[in-house]
Amino acid sequence: MTGDASRPLLRVVRGEPTAEELAALVAVVTAGAAVTAPAAAPPPSLWGRPVLRSPLHPGPGAWRASGLPR
């Protein structure tokens, strides 16, 4: 719906619509453009970043140490 400033956004090809009819048409077209606009993607989750996780050290007592706060 973006365009050159010298070109009109809409052009009436046939008939003579009233100002109210043109206003209704513009409202419907702009509402439709707002609905079809893509939404911004959510930021990626930080849970998947390996730098934020501590390494696992398997061995005797590891299961007990995994529940203890560091």
PDB file of N, CA and C in Angstrom:
ATOM      1  N   MET A   1       0.806  -1.175   0.000  1.00  0.00           N
ATOM      2  CA  MET A   1       0.000   0.000   0.000  1.00  0.00           C
ATOM      3  C   MET A   1       0.861   1.255   0.000  1.00  0.00           C
ATOM      4  N   THR A   2       2.152   1.076  -0.012  1.00  0.00           N
ATOM      5  CA  THR A   2       3.010   2.242  -0.121  1.00  0.00           C
ATOM      6  C   THR A   2       3.207   2.542  -1.590  1.00  0.00           C
ATOM      7  N   GLY A   3       3.446   3.774  -1.881  1.00  0.00           N
ATOM      8  CA  GLY A   3       3.609   4.110  -3.278  1.00  0.00           C
ATOM      9  C   GLY A   3       4.210   5.487  -3.426  1.00  0.00           C
ATOM     10  N   ASP A   4       4.261   5.920  -4.642  1.00  0.00           N
ATOM     11  CA  ASP A   4       4.787   7.230  -4.967  1.00  0.00           C
ATOM     12  C   ASP A   4       3.800   8.286  -4.487  1.00  0.00           C
ATOM     13  N   ALA A   5       4.284   9.411  -4.004  1.00  0.00           N
ATOM     14  CA  ALA A   5       3.412  10.470  -3.493  1.00  0.00           C
ATOM     15  C   ALA A   5       2.589  11.108  -4.606  1.00  0.00           C
ATOM     16  N   SER A   6       3.040  11.039  -5.838  1.00  0.00           N
ATOM     17  CA  SER A   6       2.300  11.651  -6.941  1.00  0.00           C
ATOM     18  C   SER A   6       1.162  10.757  -7.425  1.00  0.00           C
ATOM     19  N   ARG A   7       1.198   9.462  -7.109  1.00  0.00           N
ATOM     20  CA  ARG A   7       0.140   8.552  -7.531  1.00  0.00           C
ATOM     21  C   ARG A   7      -0.890   8.399  -6.429  1.00  0.00           C
ATOM     22  N   PRO A   8      -2.184   8.402  -6.770  1.00  0.00           N
ATOM     23  CA  PRO A   8      -3.215   8.215  -5.737  1.00  0.00           C
ATOM     24  C   PRO A   8      -3.226   6.776  -5.235  1.00  0.00           C
ATOM     25  N   LEU A   9      -3.649   6.605  -4.003  1.00  0.00           N
ATOM     26  CA  LEU A   9      -3.729   5.276  -3.405  1.00  0.00           C
ATOM     27  C   LEU A   9      -4.862   4.469  -4.041  1.00  0.00           C
ATOM     28  N   LEU A  10      -6.012   5.107  -4.249  1.00  0.00           N
ATOM     29  CA  LEU A  10      -7.164   4.470  -4.869  1.00  0.00           C
ATOM     30  C   LEU A  10      -7.620   5.306  -6.056  1.00  0.00           C
ATOM     31  N   ARG A  11      -8.224   4.635  -7.019  1.00  0.00           N
ATOM     32  CA  ARG A  11      -8.736   5.353  -8.184  1.00  0.00           C
ATOM     33  C   ARG A  11     -10.119   4.803  -8.495  1.00  0.00           C
ATOM     34  N   VAL A  12     -11.105   5.698  -8.664  1.00  0.00           N
ATOM     35  CA  VAL A  12     -12.462   5.293  -9.014  1.00  0.00           C
ATOM     36  C   VAL A  12     -12.494   5.084 -10.519  1.00  0.00           C
ATOM     37  N   VAL A  13     -12.837   3.878 -10.944  1.00  0.00           N
ATOM     38  CA  VAL A  13     -12.842   3.539 -12.364  1.00  0.00           C
ATOM     39  C   VAL A  13     -14.225   3.755 -12.972  1.00  0.00           C
ATOM     40  N   ARG A  14     -15.269   3.441 -12.202  1.00  0.00           N
ATOM     41  CA  ARG A  14     -16.619   3.553 -12.730  1.00  0.00           C
ATOM     42  C   ARG A  14     -17.539   4.085 -11.644  1.00  0.00           C
ATOM     43  N   GLY A  15     -18.471   4.926 -11.995  1.00  0.00           N
ATOM     44  CA  GLY A  15     -19.450   5.465 -11.068  1.00  0.00           C
ATOM     45  C   GLY A  15     -18.948   6.726 -10.392  1.00  0.00           C
ATOM     46  N   GLU A  16     -19.814   7.283  -9.554  1.00  0.00           N
ATOM     47  CA  GLU A  16     -19.482   8.502  -8.815  1.00  0.00           C
ATOM     48  C   GLU A  16     -19.814   8.291  -7.340  1.00  0.00           C
ATOM     49  N   PRO A  17     -18.899   7.727  -6.569  1.00  0.00           N
ATOM     50  CA  PRO A  17     -19.185   7.469  -5.148  1.00  0.00           C
ATOM     51  C   PRO A  17     -19.236   8.772  -4.354  1.00  0.00           C
ATOM     52  N   THR A  18     -20.011   8.742  -3.294  1.00  0.00           N
ATOM     53  CA  THR A  18     -20.098   9.898  -2.403  1.00  0.00           C
ATOM     54  C   THR A  18     -18.877   9.910  -1.485  1.00  0.00           C
ATOM     55  N   ALA A  19     -18.730  10.984  -0.765  1.00  0.00           N
ATOM     56  CA  ALA A  19     -17.610  11.101   0.180  1.00  0.00           C
ATOM     57  C   ALA A  19     -17.711  10.029   1.270  1.00  0.00           C
ATOM     58  N   GLU A  20     -18.930   9.708   1.698  1.00  0.00           N
ATOM     59  CA  GLU A  20     -19.123   8.687   2.727  1.00  0.00           C
ATOM     60  C   GLU A  20     -18.734   7.306   2.197  1.00  0.00           C
ATOM     61  N   GLU A  21     -19.081   7.010   0.952  1.00  0.00           N
ATOM     62  CA  GLU A  21     -18.720   5.722   0.364  1.00  0.00           C
ATOM     63  C   GLU A  21     -17.206   5.585   0.200  1.00  0.00           C
ATOM     64  N   LEU A  22     -16.560   6.660  -0.206  1.00  0.00           N
ATOM     65  CA  LEU A  22     -15.095   6.624  -0.306  1.00  0.00           C
ATOM     66  C   LEU A  22     -14.450   6.459   1.063  1.00  0.00           C
ATOM     67  N   ALA A  23     -15.005   7.125   2.072  1.00  0.00           N
ATOM     68  CA  ALA A  23     -14.466   6.992   3.425  1.00  0.00           C
ATOM     69  C   ALA A  23     -14.617   5.562   3.930  1.00  0.00           C
ATOM     70  N   ALA A  24     -15.761   4.932   3.631  1.00  0.00           N
ATOM     71  CA  ALA A  24     -15.967   3.540   4.041  1.00  0.00           C
ATOM     72  C   ALA A  24     -14.988   2.622   3.320  1.00  0.00           C
ATOM     73  N   LEU A  25     -14.757   2.866   2.037  1.00  0.00           N
ATOM     74  CA  LEU A  25     -13.818   2.052   1.272  1.00  0.00           C
ATOM     75  C   LEU A  25     -12.404   2.177   1.828  1.00  0.00           C
ATOM     76  N   VAL A  26     -11.989   3.393   2.130  1.00  0.00           N
ATOM     77  CA  VAL A  26     -10.641   3.611   2.679  1.00  0.00           C
ATOM     78  C   VAL A  26     -10.511   2.936   4.035  1.00  0.00           C
ATOM     79  N   ALA A  27     -11.570   2.996   4.856  1.00  0.00           N
ATOM     80  CA  ALA A  27     -11.522   2.341   6.165  1.00  0.00           C
ATOM     81  C   ALA A  27     -11.368   0.827   6.025  1.00  0.00           C
ATOM     82  N   VAL A  28     -12.099   0.228   5.088  1.00  0.00           N
ATOM     83  CA  VAL A  28     -12.018  -1.221   4.892  1.00  0.00           C
ATOM     84  C   VAL A  28     -10.643  -1.612   4.353  1.00  0.00           C
ATOM     85  N   VAL A  29     -10.117  -0.853   3.408  1.00  0.00           N
ATOM     86  CA  VAL A  29      -8.818  -1.188   2.815  1.00  0.00           C
ATOM     87  C   VAL A  29      -7.708  -1.051   3.846  1.00  0.00           C
ATOM     88  N   THR A  30      -7.717   0.004   4.642  1.00  0.00           N
ATOM     89  CA  THR A  30      -6.658   0.168   5.647  1.00  0.00           C
ATOM     90  C   THR A  30      -6.783  -0.865   6.764  1.00  0.00           C
ATOM     91  N   ALA A  31      -8.019  -1.242   7.131  1.00  0.00           N
ATOM     92  CA  ALA A  31      -8.186  -2.285   8.150  1.00  0.00           C
ATOM     93  C   ALA A  31      -7.687  -3.623   7.622  1.00  0.00           C
ATOM     94  N   GLY A  32      -7.937  -3.901   6.356  1.00  0.00           N
ATOM     95  CA  GLY A  32      -7.450  -5.140   5.763  1.00  0.00           C
ATOM     96  C   GLY A  32      -5.937  -5.173   5.682  1.00  0.00           C
ATOM     97  N   ALA A  33      -5.329  -4.030   5.415  1.00  0.00           N
ATOM     98  CA  ALA A  33      -3.869  -3.962   5.351  1.00  0.00           C
ATOM     99  C   ALA A  33      -3.263  -4.176   6.728  1.00  0.00           C
ATOM    100  N   ALA A  34      -3.928  -3.701   7.770  1.00  0.00           N
ATOM    101  CA  ALA A  34      -3.412  -3.885   9.127  1.00  0.00           C
ATOM    102  C   ALA A  34      -3.502  -5.340   9.553  1.00  0.00           C
ATOM    103  N   VAL A  35      -4.528  -6.050   9.089  1.00  0.00           N
ATOM    104  CA  VAL A  35      -4.699  -7.455   9.459  1.00  0.00           C
ATOM    105  C   VAL A  35      -3.673  -8.327   8.754  1.00  0.00           C
ATOM    106  N   THR A  36      -3.375  -8.024   7.502  1.00  0.00           N
ATOM    107  CA  THR A  36      -2.459  -8.869   6.748  1.00  0.00           C
ATOM    108  C   THR A  36      -0.999  -8.527   6.981  1.00  0.00           C
ATOM    109  N   ALA A  37      -0.718  -7.461   7.733  1.00  0.00           N
ATOM    110  CA  ALA A  37       0.672  -7.107   8.001  1.00  0.00           C
ATOM    111  C   ALA A  37       1.290  -8.169   8.908  1.00  0.00           C
ATOM    112  N   PRO A  38       2.491  -8.626   8.601  1.00  0.00           N
ATOM    113  CA  PRO A  38       3.112  -9.665   9.430  1.00  0.00           C
ATOM    114  C   PRO A  38       3.472  -9.124  10.819  1.00  0.00           C
ATOM    115  N   ALA A  39       3.239  -9.946  11.806  1.00  0.00           N
ATOM    116  CA  ALA A  39       3.583  -9.567  13.176  1.00  0.00           C
ATOM    117  C   ALA A  39       5.077  -9.752  13.397  1.00  0.00           C
ATOM    118  N   ALA A  40       5.601  -9.002  14.325  1.00  0.00           N
ATOM    119  CA  ALA A  40       7.025  -9.122  14.648  1.00  0.00           C
ATOM    120  C   ALA A  40       7.276 -10.474  15.319  1.00  0.00           C
ATOM    121  N   ALA A  41       8.343 -11.103  14.962  1.00  0.00           N
ATOM    122  CA  ALA A  41       8.691 -12.403  15.542  1.00  0.00           C
ATOM    123  C   ALA A  41       9.150 -12.214  16.988  1.00  0.00           C
ATOM    124  N   PRO A  42       8.759 -13.117  17.884  1.00  0.00           N
ATOM    125  CA  PRO A  42       9.200 -13.002  19.269  1.00  0.00           C
ATOM    126  C   PRO A  42      10.706 -13.224  19.375  1.00  0.00           C
ATOM    127  N   PRO A  43      11.340 -12.616  20.350  1.00  0.00           N
ATOM    128  CA  PRO A  43      12.783 -12.829  20.491  1.00  0.00           C
ATOM    129  C   PRO A  43      13.082 -14.287  20.834  1.00  0.00           C
ATOM    130  N   PRO A  44      14.225 -14.788  20.413  1.00  0.00           N
ATOM    131  CA  PRO A  44      14.548 -16.192  20.700  1.00  0.00           C
ATOM    132  C   PRO A  44      14.726 -16.416  22.209  1.00  0.00           C
ATOM    133  N   SER A  45      14.403 -17.608  22.637  1.00  0.00           N
ATOM    134  CA  SER A  45      14.514 -17.945  24.046  1.00  0.00           C
ATOM    135  C   SER A  45      15.975 -18.090  24.449  1.00  0.00           C
ATOM    136  N   LEU A  46      16.290 -17.639  25.635  1.00  0.00           N
ATOM    137  CA  LEU A  46      17.660 -17.745  26.141  1.00  0.00           C
ATOM    138  C   LEU A  46      17.942 -19.120  26.754  1.00  0.00           C
ATOM    139  N   TRP A  47      16.883 -19.935  26.913  1.00  0.00           N
ATOM    140  CA  TRP A  47      17.081 -21.249  27.521  1.00  0.00           C
ATOM    141  C   TRP A  47      17.916 -22.154  26.639  1.00  0.00           C
ATOM    142  N   GLY A  48      17.913 -21.952  25.350  1.00  0.00           N
ATOM    143  CA  GLY A  48      18.643 -22.823  24.454  1.00  0.00           C
ATOM    144  C   GLY A  48      20.107 -22.460  24.292  1.00  0.00           C
ATOM    145  N   ARG A  49      20.539 -21.361  24.880  1.00  0.00           N
ATOM    146  CA  ARG A  49      21.930 -20.948  24.724  1.00  0.00           C
ATOM    147  C   ARG A  49      22.828 -21.767  25.658  1.00  0.00           C
ATOM    148  N   PRO A  50      23.794 -22.494  25.116  1.00  0.00           N
ATOM    149  CA  PRO A  50      24.642 -23.337  25.952  1.00  0.00           C
ATOM    150  C   PRO A  50      25.518 -22.542  26.916  1.00  0.00           C
ATOM    151  N   VAL A  51      25.755 -21.282  26.641  1.00  0.00           N
ATOM    152  CA  VAL A  51      26.617 -20.487  27.522  1.00  0.00           C
ATOM    153  C   VAL A  51      25.940 -20.239  28.863  1.00  0.00           C
ATOM    154  N   LEU A  52      24.618 -20.277  28.874  1.00  0.00           N
ATOM    155  CA  LEU A  52      23.895 -19.989  30.115  1.00  0.00           C
ATOM    156  C   LEU A  52      23.701 -21.224  30.978  1.00  0.00           C
ATOM    157  N   ARG A  53      23.995 -22.403  30.440  1.00  0.00           N
ATOM    158  CA  ARG A  53      23.838 -23.636  31.210  1.00  0.00           C
ATOM    159  C   ARG A  53      25.179 -24.079  31.756  1.00  0.00           C
ATOM    160  N   SER A  54      25.169 -24.626  32.949  1.00  0.00           N
ATOM    161  CA  SER A  54      26.412 -25.153  33.505  1.00  0.00           C
ATOM    162  C   SER A  54      26.641 -26.561  32.945  1.00  0.00           C
ATOM    163  N   PRO A  55      27.879 -26.965  32.772  1.00  0.00           N
ATOM    164  CA  PRO A  55      28.149 -28.287  32.205  1.00  0.00           C
ATOM    165  C   PRO A  55      27.753 -29.397  33.182  1.00  0.00           C
ATOM    166  N   LEU A  56      27.410 -30.539  32.624  1.00  0.00           N
ATOM    167  CA  LEU A  56      27.058 -31.694  33.434  1.00  0.00           C
ATOM    168  C   LEU A  56      28.312 -32.517  33.710  1.00  0.00           C
ATOM    169  N   HIS A  57      28.471 -32.945  34.949  1.00  0.00           N
ATOM    170  CA  HIS A  57      29.612 -33.751  35.339  1.00  0.00           C
ATOM    171  C   HIS A  57      29.091 -35.063  35.916  1.00  0.00           C
ATOM    172  N   PRO A  58      28.965 -36.102  35.074  1.00  0.00           N
ATOM    173  CA  PRO A  58      28.462 -37.370  35.595  1.00  0.00           C
ATOM    174  C   PRO A  58      29.494 -38.027  36.516  1.00  0.00           C
ATOM    175  N   GLY A  59      28.993 -38.760  37.453  1.00  0.00           N
ATOM    176  CA  GLY A  59      29.888 -39.470  38.369  1.00  0.00           C
ATOM    177  C   GLY A  59      29.173 -39.759  39.672  1.00  0.00           C
ATOM    178  N   PRO A  60      29.896 -40.310  40.644  1.00  0.00           N
ATOM    179  CA  PRO A  60      29.282 -40.634  41.931  1.00  0.00           C
ATOM    180  C   PRO A  60      28.765 -39.367  42.615  1.00  0.00           C
ATOM    181  N   GLY A  61      27.504 -39.414  43.049  1.00  0.00           N
ATOM    182  CA  GLY A  61      26.904 -38.278  43.752  1.00  0.00           C
ATOM    183  C   GLY A  61      26.440 -37.159  42.837  1.00  0.00           C
ATOM    184  N   ALA A  62      26.527 -37.326  41.525  1.00  0.00           N
ATOM    185  CA  ALA A  62      26.132 -36.252  40.609  1.00  0.00           C
ATOM    186  C   ALA A  62      24.634 -35.980  40.695  1.00  0.00           C
ATOM    187  N   TRP A  63      23.844 -37.017  40.900  1.00  0.00           N
ATOM    188  CA  TRP A  63      22.405 -36.812  40.984  1.00  0.00           C
ATOM    189  C   TRP A  63      22.060 -35.956  42.190  1.00  0.00           C
ATOM    190  N   ARG A  64      22.794 -36.130  43.285  1.00  0.00           N
ATOM    191  CA  ARG A  64      22.536 -35.350  44.490  1.00  0.00           C
ATOM    192  C   ARG A  64      22.993 -33.905  44.283  1.00  0.00           C
ATOM    193  N   ALA A  65      24.124 -33.719  43.653  1.00  0.00           N
ATOM    194  CA  ALA A  65      24.648 -32.376  43.434  1.00  0.00           C
ATOM    195  C   ALA A  65      23.828 -31.596  42.418  1.00  0.00           C
ATOM    196  N   SER A  66      23.095 -32.297  41.558  1.00  0.00           N
ATOM    197  CA  SER A  66      22.315 -31.598  40.550  1.00  0.00           C
ATOM    198  C   SER A  66      21.154 -30.843  41.160  1.00  0.00           C
ATOM    199  N   GLY A  67      20.705 -31.230  42.334  1.00  0.00           N
ATOM    200  CA  GLY A  67      19.584 -30.544  42.979  1.00  0.00           C
ATOM    201  C   GLY A  67      20.028 -29.455  43.929  1.00  0.00           C
ATOM    202  N   LEU A  68      21.312 -29.352  44.201  1.00  0.00           N
ATOM    203  CA  LEU A  68      21.796 -28.353  45.136  1.00  0.00           C
ATOM    204  C   LEU A  68      22.085 -27.035  44.425  1.00  0.00           C
ATOM    205  N   PRO A  69      21.773 -25.917  45.055  1.00  0.00           N
ATOM    206  CA  PRO A  69      22.093 -24.633  44.433  1.00  0.00           C
ATOM    207  C   PRO A  69      23.615 -24.412  44.424  1.00  0.00           C
ATOM    208  N   ARG A  70      24.081 -23.688  43.470  1.00  0.00           N
ATOM    209  CA  ARG A  70      25.512 -23.405  43.354  1.00  0.00           C
ATOM    210  C   ARG A  70      25.878 -22.162  44.123  1.00  0.00           C
TER     211      ARG A  70
END
